[in-house]
N, C-alpha and C. Protein backbone atom coordinates (compact mmCIF):
# COMPACT_ATOMS: atom_id res chain seq x y z
N MET A 1 0.84 -1.18 0.00
CA MET A 1 0.00 0.00 0.00
C MET A 1 0.88 1.24 0.00
N SER A 2 0.41 2.29 -0.62
CA SER A 2 1.18 3.53 -0.75
C SER A 2 0.92 4.41 0.46
N GLU A 3 1.74 4.19 1.48
CA GLU A 3 1.59 4.96 2.71
C GLU A 3 2.96 5.17 3.35
N CYS A 4 2.99 6.03 4.36
CA CYS A 4 4.20 6.29 5.12
C CYS A 4 3.78 6.70 6.52
N GLN A 5 4.52 6.23 7.49
CA GLN A 5 4.27 6.60 8.87
C GLN A 5 5.61 6.70 9.59
N PHE A 6 5.82 7.78 10.30
CA PHE A 6 7.03 7.88 11.10
C PHE A 6 6.77 8.68 12.37
N THR A 7 7.66 8.49 13.32
CA THR A 7 7.56 9.13 14.63
C THR A 7 8.88 9.78 14.95
N LYS A 8 8.81 11.01 15.47
CA LYS A 8 10.03 11.74 15.85
C LYS A 8 9.80 12.47 17.16
N VAL A 9 10.85 12.62 17.93
CA VAL A 9 10.81 13.42 19.15
C VAL A 9 11.02 14.89 18.75
N VAL A 10 10.24 15.79 19.33
CA VAL A 10 10.41 17.21 19.07
C VAL A 10 11.65 17.69 19.83
N MET A 11 12.65 18.12 19.10
CA MET A 11 13.93 18.56 19.66
C MET A 11 13.92 20.08 19.87
N PRO A 12 14.82 20.58 20.73
CA PRO A 12 14.86 22.03 20.99
C PRO A 12 15.01 22.87 19.72
N SER A 13 15.77 22.39 18.75
CA SER A 13 15.97 23.16 17.51
C SER A 13 14.70 23.27 16.67
N GLN A 14 13.69 22.45 16.97
CA GLN A 14 12.43 22.47 16.23
C GLN A 14 11.34 23.23 16.96
N ALA A 15 11.67 23.75 18.14
CA ALA A 15 10.66 24.40 18.98
C ALA A 15 10.75 25.91 18.92
N ASN A 16 9.61 26.56 19.08
CA ASN A 16 9.58 28.02 19.12
C ASN A 16 9.87 28.51 20.55
N SER A 17 9.73 29.80 20.78
CA SER A 17 10.05 30.37 22.09
C SER A 17 9.10 29.91 23.20
N ARG A 18 7.97 29.34 22.83
CA ARG A 18 7.02 28.82 23.82
C ARG A 18 7.21 27.31 24.04
N GLY A 19 8.20 26.74 23.36
CA GLY A 19 8.53 25.34 23.57
C GLY A 19 7.71 24.35 22.76
N SER A 20 6.93 24.85 21.79
CA SER A 20 6.16 23.93 20.96
C SER A 20 6.73 23.86 19.55
N LEU A 21 6.44 22.78 18.88
CA LEU A 21 6.96 22.51 17.54
C LEU A 21 6.57 23.65 16.58
N PHE A 22 7.55 24.17 15.84
CA PHE A 22 7.27 25.16 14.81
C PHE A 22 6.28 24.57 13.81
N GLY A 23 5.29 25.35 13.41
CA GLY A 23 4.33 24.89 12.41
C GLY A 23 5.02 24.51 11.11
N GLY A 24 6.02 25.30 10.70
CA GLY A 24 6.73 25.01 9.47
C GLY A 24 7.50 23.70 9.53
N ALA A 25 8.01 23.36 10.71
CA ALA A 25 8.71 22.08 10.87
C ALA A 25 7.74 20.92 10.71
N LEU A 26 6.53 21.08 11.27
CA LEU A 26 5.53 20.03 11.12
C LEU A 26 5.08 19.92 9.67
N LEU A 27 4.89 21.04 9.00
CA LEU A 27 4.51 21.00 7.58
C LEU A 27 5.57 20.29 6.75
N ALA A 28 6.84 20.51 7.05
CA ALA A 28 7.92 19.83 6.33
C ALA A 28 7.85 18.32 6.55
N MET A 29 7.58 17.89 7.80
CA MET A 29 7.44 16.46 8.08
C MET A 29 6.26 15.87 7.30
N MET A 30 5.16 16.61 7.26
CA MET A 30 3.97 16.14 6.55
C MET A 30 4.24 16.05 5.05
N ASP A 31 4.95 17.02 4.51
CA ASP A 31 5.30 17.01 3.09
C ASP A 31 6.22 15.83 2.77
N GLU A 32 7.17 15.56 3.65
CA GLU A 32 8.08 14.43 3.46
C GLU A 32 7.32 13.10 3.47
N ALA A 33 6.41 12.94 4.41
CA ALA A 33 5.62 11.70 4.47
C ALA A 33 4.75 11.54 3.22
N ALA A 34 4.16 12.64 2.76
CA ALA A 34 3.34 12.60 1.54
C ALA A 34 4.20 12.21 0.34
N ALA A 35 5.40 12.76 0.26
CA ALA A 35 6.30 12.43 -0.86
C ALA A 35 6.68 10.95 -0.86
N ILE A 36 6.97 10.41 0.31
CA ILE A 36 7.33 8.99 0.38
C ILE A 36 6.16 8.11 -0.05
N ALA A 37 4.95 8.42 0.44
CA ALA A 37 3.77 7.64 0.05
C ALA A 37 3.55 7.73 -1.46
N ALA A 38 3.71 8.93 -2.03
CA ALA A 38 3.52 9.11 -3.47
C ALA A 38 4.58 8.36 -4.28
N MET A 39 5.85 8.44 -3.84
CA MET A 39 6.91 7.75 -4.57
C MET A 39 6.73 6.24 -4.51
N ARG A 40 6.19 5.73 -3.40
CA ARG A 40 5.93 4.29 -3.32
C ARG A 40 4.90 3.86 -4.37
N HIS A 41 3.98 4.74 -4.68
CA HIS A 41 2.97 4.42 -5.69
C HIS A 41 3.52 4.64 -7.10
N ALA A 42 4.14 5.79 -7.32
CA ALA A 42 4.54 6.18 -8.67
C ALA A 42 5.82 5.51 -9.16
N HIS A 43 6.70 5.15 -8.23
CA HIS A 43 8.03 4.65 -8.59
C HIS A 43 8.79 5.67 -9.44
N HIS A 44 8.56 6.94 -9.11
CA HIS A 44 9.24 8.08 -9.72
C HIS A 44 9.47 9.10 -8.62
N SER A 45 10.34 10.06 -8.90
CA SER A 45 10.45 11.19 -7.97
C SER A 45 9.17 12.01 -8.09
N VAL A 46 8.90 12.81 -7.08
CA VAL A 46 7.68 13.61 -7.07
C VAL A 46 7.98 15.02 -6.59
N VAL A 47 7.07 15.93 -6.92
CA VAL A 47 7.13 17.29 -6.40
C VAL A 47 5.78 17.63 -5.78
N THR A 48 5.80 18.53 -4.82
CA THR A 48 4.57 18.97 -4.19
C THR A 48 3.91 20.00 -5.08
N ALA A 49 2.64 19.77 -5.43
CA ALA A 49 1.89 20.71 -6.26
C ALA A 49 0.94 21.56 -5.41
N HIS A 50 0.42 20.97 -4.32
CA HIS A 50 -0.58 21.68 -3.53
C HIS A 50 -0.69 21.06 -2.14
N MET A 51 -0.90 21.91 -1.16
CA MET A 51 -1.27 21.46 0.19
C MET A 51 -2.46 22.33 0.60
N ASN A 52 -3.56 21.68 0.98
CA ASN A 52 -4.75 22.47 1.32
C ASN A 52 -4.56 23.23 2.63
N SER A 53 -5.55 23.97 2.99
CA SER A 53 -5.53 24.75 4.22
C SER A 53 -5.24 23.85 5.43
N VAL A 54 -4.34 24.31 6.27
CA VAL A 54 -3.94 23.54 7.45
C VAL A 54 -4.25 24.35 8.70
N ASP A 55 -5.02 23.77 9.60
CA ASP A 55 -5.32 24.40 10.88
C ASP A 55 -4.65 23.59 11.98
N PHE A 56 -3.84 24.25 12.79
CA PHE A 56 -3.17 23.57 13.90
C PHE A 56 -4.13 23.56 15.09
N LYS A 57 -4.56 22.37 15.48
CA LYS A 57 -5.58 22.23 16.52
C LYS A 57 -5.00 22.13 17.92
N ALA A 58 -3.80 21.62 18.05
CA ALA A 58 -3.18 21.45 19.36
C ALA A 58 -1.66 21.43 19.19
N PRO A 59 -0.93 22.01 20.14
CA PRO A 59 0.53 22.03 20.03
C PRO A 59 1.15 20.68 20.40
N ILE A 60 2.38 20.50 19.95
CA ILE A 60 3.21 19.38 20.36
C ILE A 60 4.48 20.01 20.92
N HIS A 61 4.76 19.75 22.18
CA HIS A 61 5.85 20.44 22.87
C HIS A 61 7.18 19.68 22.77
N GLN A 62 8.24 20.44 22.97
CA GLN A 62 9.58 19.88 23.01
C GLN A 62 9.61 18.68 23.95
N GLY A 63 10.23 17.59 23.51
CA GLY A 63 10.31 16.37 24.30
C GLY A 63 9.15 15.42 24.08
N GLN A 64 8.07 15.92 23.48
CA GLN A 64 6.95 15.05 23.13
C GLN A 64 7.21 14.46 21.74
N VAL A 65 6.35 13.57 21.33
CA VAL A 65 6.54 12.87 20.07
C VAL A 65 5.50 13.35 19.05
N VAL A 66 5.95 13.49 17.82
CA VAL A 66 5.04 13.75 16.71
C VAL A 66 5.00 12.50 15.83
N ARG A 67 3.79 12.08 15.49
CA ARG A 67 3.60 10.92 14.60
C ARG A 67 2.87 11.43 13.37
N VAL A 68 3.45 11.16 12.20
CA VAL A 68 2.88 11.61 10.94
C VAL A 68 2.49 10.37 10.13
N CYS A 69 1.26 10.37 9.64
CA CYS A 69 0.73 9.25 8.85
C CYS A 69 0.22 9.78 7.52
N ALA A 70 0.70 9.21 6.42
CA ALA A 70 0.31 9.64 5.08
C ALA A 70 -0.17 8.45 4.28
N GLN A 71 -1.25 8.64 3.52
CA GLN A 71 -1.80 7.54 2.73
C GLN A 71 -2.39 8.07 1.43
N LEU A 72 -2.07 7.38 0.34
CA LEU A 72 -2.63 7.70 -0.97
C LEU A 72 -4.13 7.49 -0.94
N VAL A 73 -4.89 8.48 -1.47
CA VAL A 73 -6.35 8.34 -1.50
C VAL A 73 -6.93 8.50 -2.90
N LYS A 74 -6.15 9.08 -3.84
CA LYS A 74 -6.69 9.31 -5.17
C LYS A 74 -5.54 9.55 -6.14
N THR A 75 -5.74 9.18 -7.41
CA THR A 75 -4.76 9.50 -8.44
C THR A 75 -5.45 10.22 -9.59
N GLY A 76 -4.66 11.06 -10.26
CA GLY A 76 -5.05 11.65 -11.54
C GLY A 76 -4.14 11.06 -12.59
N ARG A 77 -3.97 11.74 -13.71
CA ARG A 77 -3.08 11.22 -14.75
C ARG A 77 -1.63 11.23 -14.30
N THR A 78 -1.18 12.35 -13.73
CA THR A 78 0.20 12.47 -13.24
C THR A 78 0.26 12.81 -11.76
N SER A 79 -0.89 13.05 -11.16
CA SER A 79 -0.93 13.51 -9.77
C SER A 79 -1.46 12.44 -8.82
N MET A 80 -1.11 12.62 -7.56
CA MET A 80 -1.58 11.73 -6.50
C MET A 80 -2.00 12.59 -5.31
N THR A 81 -3.15 12.28 -4.75
CA THR A 81 -3.62 12.99 -3.56
C THR A 81 -3.33 12.12 -2.35
N ILE A 82 -2.65 12.72 -1.39
CA ILE A 82 -2.24 12.02 -0.18
C ILE A 82 -2.92 12.67 1.02
N GLN A 83 -3.57 11.88 1.84
CA GLN A 83 -4.14 12.37 3.10
C GLN A 83 -3.08 12.21 4.19
N VAL A 84 -2.79 13.30 4.88
CA VAL A 84 -1.75 13.28 5.91
C VAL A 84 -2.36 13.72 7.25
N GLU A 85 -2.07 12.96 8.29
CA GLU A 85 -2.53 13.27 9.65
C GLU A 85 -1.30 13.40 10.54
N ALA A 86 -1.37 14.33 11.49
CA ALA A 86 -0.27 14.49 12.46
C ALA A 86 -0.85 14.41 13.87
N TYR A 87 -0.16 13.66 14.71
CA TYR A 87 -0.60 13.43 16.09
C TYR A 87 0.54 13.75 17.04
N GLY A 88 0.19 14.18 18.23
CA GLY A 88 1.15 14.37 19.30
C GLY A 88 1.00 13.25 20.30
N GLU A 89 2.08 12.99 21.05
CA GLU A 89 2.03 11.97 22.09
C GLU A 89 2.95 12.35 23.23
N ASN A 90 2.44 12.19 24.43
CA ASN A 90 3.24 12.35 25.64
C ASN A 90 3.65 10.95 26.06
N LEU A 91 4.94 10.65 25.93
CA LEU A 91 5.42 9.30 26.22
C LEU A 91 5.33 8.93 27.70
N ILE A 92 5.29 9.93 28.58
CA ILE A 92 5.21 9.66 30.02
C ILE A 92 3.80 9.24 30.42
N THR A 93 2.80 9.98 29.91
CA THR A 93 1.41 9.69 30.30
C THR A 93 0.70 8.76 29.32
N GLY A 94 1.23 8.67 28.10
CA GLY A 94 0.57 7.87 27.07
C GLY A 94 -0.51 8.62 26.32
N GLU A 95 -0.78 9.86 26.72
CA GLU A 95 -1.81 10.65 26.06
C GLU A 95 -1.43 10.89 24.60
N GLN A 96 -2.42 10.76 23.70
CA GLN A 96 -2.23 11.03 22.28
C GLN A 96 -3.33 11.97 21.81
N TRP A 97 -3.02 12.85 20.86
CA TRP A 97 -4.01 13.79 20.36
C TRP A 97 -3.74 14.11 18.90
N HIS A 98 -4.82 14.47 18.22
CA HIS A 98 -4.73 14.88 16.83
C HIS A 98 -4.30 16.34 16.79
N CYS A 99 -3.28 16.63 15.99
CA CYS A 99 -2.75 17.99 15.88
C CYS A 99 -3.29 18.69 14.63
N THR A 100 -3.16 18.04 13.49
CA THR A 100 -3.64 18.63 12.24
C THR A 100 -3.72 17.58 11.15
N SER A 101 -4.34 17.96 10.06
CA SER A 101 -4.38 17.09 8.88
C SER A 101 -4.31 17.96 7.63
N ALA A 102 -3.96 17.34 6.53
CA ALA A 102 -3.86 18.05 5.26
C ALA A 102 -4.03 17.07 4.12
N GLU A 103 -4.48 17.62 3.01
CA GLU A 103 -4.52 16.87 1.76
C GLU A 103 -3.41 17.46 0.89
N VAL A 104 -2.50 16.60 0.46
CA VAL A 104 -1.34 17.06 -0.31
C VAL A 104 -1.40 16.43 -1.70
N VAL A 105 -1.22 17.25 -2.73
CA VAL A 105 -1.19 16.75 -4.10
C VAL A 105 0.26 16.74 -4.56
N MET A 106 0.72 15.56 -4.97
CA MET A 106 2.07 15.36 -5.48
C MET A 106 1.98 15.01 -6.96
N VAL A 107 2.99 15.44 -7.73
CA VAL A 107 3.04 15.12 -9.16
C VAL A 107 4.30 14.31 -9.43
N ALA A 108 4.12 13.20 -10.15
CA ALA A 108 5.25 12.34 -10.51
C ALA A 108 6.05 12.99 -11.63
N MET A 109 7.38 12.89 -11.53
CA MET A 109 8.27 13.50 -12.51
C MET A 109 9.17 12.44 -13.14
N ASP A 110 9.39 12.57 -14.45
CA ASP A 110 10.29 11.63 -15.13
C ASP A 110 11.74 12.12 -15.01
N ALA A 111 12.64 11.42 -15.67
CA ALA A 111 14.07 11.75 -15.58
C ALA A 111 14.38 13.13 -16.18
N ASP A 112 13.51 13.63 -17.06
CA ASP A 112 13.70 14.96 -17.66
C ASP A 112 12.96 16.04 -16.86
N ARG A 113 12.50 15.68 -15.69
CA ARG A 113 11.78 16.60 -14.79
C ARG A 113 10.48 17.12 -15.39
N ARG A 114 9.81 16.22 -16.09
CA ARG A 114 8.50 16.53 -16.66
C ARG A 114 7.47 15.61 -16.00
N PRO A 115 6.23 16.11 -15.84
CA PRO A 115 5.20 15.23 -15.25
C PRO A 115 5.06 13.95 -16.06
N THR A 116 4.87 12.85 -15.34
CA THR A 116 4.73 11.55 -15.98
C THR A 116 3.53 10.81 -15.40
N ALA A 117 2.94 9.95 -16.20
CA ALA A 117 1.73 9.25 -15.80
C ALA A 117 1.99 8.30 -14.63
N VAL A 118 0.97 8.15 -13.80
CA VAL A 118 1.01 7.20 -12.69
C VAL A 118 -0.10 6.18 -12.87
N SER A 119 0.07 5.02 -12.28
CA SER A 119 -0.96 4.00 -12.38
C SER A 119 -2.17 4.40 -11.54
N PRO A 120 -3.36 3.97 -11.94
CA PRO A 120 -4.57 4.32 -11.19
C PRO A 120 -4.52 3.77 -9.77
N PHE A 121 -5.18 4.48 -8.87
CA PHE A 121 -5.28 4.05 -7.48
C PHE A 121 -6.42 3.06 -7.35
N GLU A 122 -6.14 1.96 -6.68
CA GLU A 122 -7.17 0.99 -6.36
C GLU A 122 -7.31 0.94 -4.85
N SER A 123 -8.48 1.33 -4.36
CA SER A 123 -8.67 1.31 -2.91
C SER A 123 -8.73 -0.13 -2.43
N PRO A 124 -8.41 -0.38 -1.16
CA PRO A 124 -8.49 -1.75 -0.64
C PRO A 124 -9.85 -2.38 -0.85
N ASP A 125 -10.92 -1.58 -0.83
CA ASP A 125 -12.27 -2.09 -1.05
C ASP A 125 -12.43 -2.64 -2.46
N GLU A 126 -11.80 -1.97 -3.45
CA GLU A 126 -11.90 -2.39 -4.84
C GLU A 126 -11.14 -3.68 -5.11
N THR A 127 -10.00 -3.88 -4.41
CA THR A 127 -9.18 -5.06 -4.68
C THR A 127 -9.71 -6.31 -4.00
N THR A 128 -10.56 -6.16 -3.00
CA THR A 128 -11.07 -7.33 -2.29
C THR A 128 -12.44 -7.76 -2.76
N SER A 129 -13.07 -6.98 -3.64
CA SER A 129 -14.41 -7.36 -4.09
C SER A 129 -14.39 -8.16 -5.35
């Protein structure tokens, strides 16, 4: 399946003056996860074409964990839409919370850096019926 999931500890260099993860750092992690999920599907390099509106619902503080989950949900001729979710976790208490989500559109690129066709997306429901 075309997905990516990773977990990282929020380090001091990624935190703002209030001790929470910079929004831009989280967006970069989400973009990276979306790119990996897209490349797993396309078997080509990809570029980010679009990221929809992102609302940060809850902070993730220095020393806490951020978990980013990305999954392919749709394909076009050369594009792939990836749903990305970000969660925070306090490893001491076990508390987990949803921080934000985004829909990211990636475009597959050929060796000449031109958009190239990708195979159609088949949802798990379609492959099991």
